[in-house]
Amino acid sequence: MSEKQHIQIDTEFITLGQFLKLADVIQSGGMVKWFLSEHEVFVNGESENRRGKKLRHQDTVEVPGVGSFVVISTHE
């Protein structure tokens, strides 16, 4: 298993759709709905396909064949 990439945000949360773009998993926000319908995405070990799912500090996102990511929030 490869090391998880830490993706830093400066807000309390980020949506799954925004996160996939920030992590360079997809090229544009318009690809989110298609990507989630065609690929498995796991948030904290559970299958997730809602682009509006809120991700918070320490949540993990895994995209098989792409990578594993951890949300790091600097928001206080």
Protein backbone atom coordinates (compact mmCIF):
# COMPACT_ATOMS: atom_id res chain seq x y z
CA MET A 1 0.00 0.00 0.00
CA SER A 2 1.43 3.36 -0.94
CA GLU A 3 1.75 6.26 1.46
CA LYS A 4 -1.23 8.54 1.88
CA GLN A 5 -0.92 12.02 0.39
CA HIS A 6 -1.85 14.84 2.74
CA ILE A 7 -4.08 17.44 1.09
CA GLN A 8 -4.28 20.70 3.04
CA ILE A 9 -7.39 22.85 3.17
CA ASP A 10 -7.84 26.16 4.99
CA THR A 11 -11.55 25.76 5.71
CA GLU A 12 -13.49 23.62 8.18
CA PHE A 13 -14.58 21.21 5.45
CA ILE A 14 -14.40 20.60 1.70
CA THR A 15 -16.87 18.72 -0.50
CA LEU A 16 -15.79 15.48 -2.11
CA GLY A 17 -16.15 17.07 -5.55
CA GLN A 18 -13.91 20.02 -4.63
CA PHE A 19 -11.45 17.67 -2.96
CA LEU A 20 -11.04 15.44 -6.02
CA LYS A 21 -10.16 18.51 -8.08
CA LEU A 22 -7.78 19.87 -5.42
CA ALA A 23 -6.02 16.50 -5.19
CA ASP A 24 -5.62 16.43 -9.01
CA VAL A 25 -7.72 13.28 -9.31
CA ILE A 26 -9.92 15.07 -11.87
CA GLN A 27 -9.19 18.04 -14.12
CA SER A 28 -12.36 20.07 -13.61
CA GLY A 29 -15.40 20.30 -11.39
CA GLY A 30 -17.56 19.30 -14.33
CA MET A 31 -16.00 15.84 -14.30
CA VAL A 32 -17.07 15.03 -10.73
CA LYS A 33 -20.48 13.49 -11.42
CA TRP A 34 -19.08 11.32 -14.23
CA PHE A 35 -16.02 10.31 -12.20
CA LEU A 36 -18.10 9.25 -9.20
CA SER A 37 -20.43 7.21 -11.44
CA GLU A 38 -17.53 5.43 -13.16
CA HIS A 39 -15.01 4.94 -10.31
CA GLU A 40 -15.12 3.64 -6.77
CA VAL A 41 -14.29 6.24 -4.14
CA PHE A 42 -14.04 5.42 -0.44
CA VAL A 43 -14.31 7.98 2.37
CA ASN A 44 -13.09 6.62 5.72
CA GLY A 45 -13.36 3.08 4.30
CA GLU A 46 -16.95 3.40 3.09
CA SER A 47 -18.06 3.65 -0.54
CA GLU A 48 -19.14 7.20 -1.36
CA ASN A 49 -20.67 8.67 -4.53
CA ARG A 50 -22.11 12.00 -3.33
CA ARG A 51 -20.07 14.88 -4.69
CA GLY A 52 -21.40 17.12 -1.90
CA LYS A 53 -20.17 14.82 0.89
CA LYS A 54 -18.39 17.04 3.43
CA LEU A 55 -14.84 16.01 4.25
CA ARG A 56 -13.25 17.23 7.46
CA HIS A 57 -9.83 17.17 9.16
CA GLN A 58 -8.30 13.65 9.18
CA ASP A 59 -10.89 12.13 6.83
CA THR A 60 -9.31 9.68 4.40
CA VAL A 61 -10.23 9.37 0.73
CA GLU A 62 -9.16 6.33 -1.29
CA VAL A 63 -9.50 6.02 -5.04
CA PRO A 64 -8.36 2.54 -6.14
CA GLY A 65 -5.77 2.80 -8.87
CA VAL A 66 -5.24 6.51 -8.18
CA GLY A 67 -4.18 6.96 -4.57
CA SER A 68 -4.99 7.53 -0.93
CA PHE A 69 -5.38 10.96 0.58
CA VAL A 70 -5.85 12.51 4.04
CA VAL A 71 -7.62 15.83 4.57
CA ILE A 72 -5.55 18.20 6.70
CA SER A 73 -7.42 21.32 7.81
CA THR A 74 -5.58 24.38 9.07
CA HIS A 75 -8.90 25.98 10.02
CA GLU A 76 -9.12 26.79 13.72
